[in-house]
Amino acid sequence: MLTLLLEDRPGDISFAVDAAYEMPPKFLKQLREGLQQVDSDTVRQQIEQMLGSPE
């Protein structure tokens, strides 16, 4: 599903990333931890790049 969104609707992932930054810091931490379970290295790296460096 994430692969399809990144290919066909990357703006939707960007909206989700923007929304994630509006959440409490714990949410972003859990999101980053959850990304480590994504099977596709390419998808994980693209989303990590969108999220930027942890603060």
Foldseek 3Di string as FASTA:
>chain_A
DLVCCVVPPVVVLLVVLVVQVVDPPVSVVVVLVVLVPDPDPVSSVVSDVSNDDDD
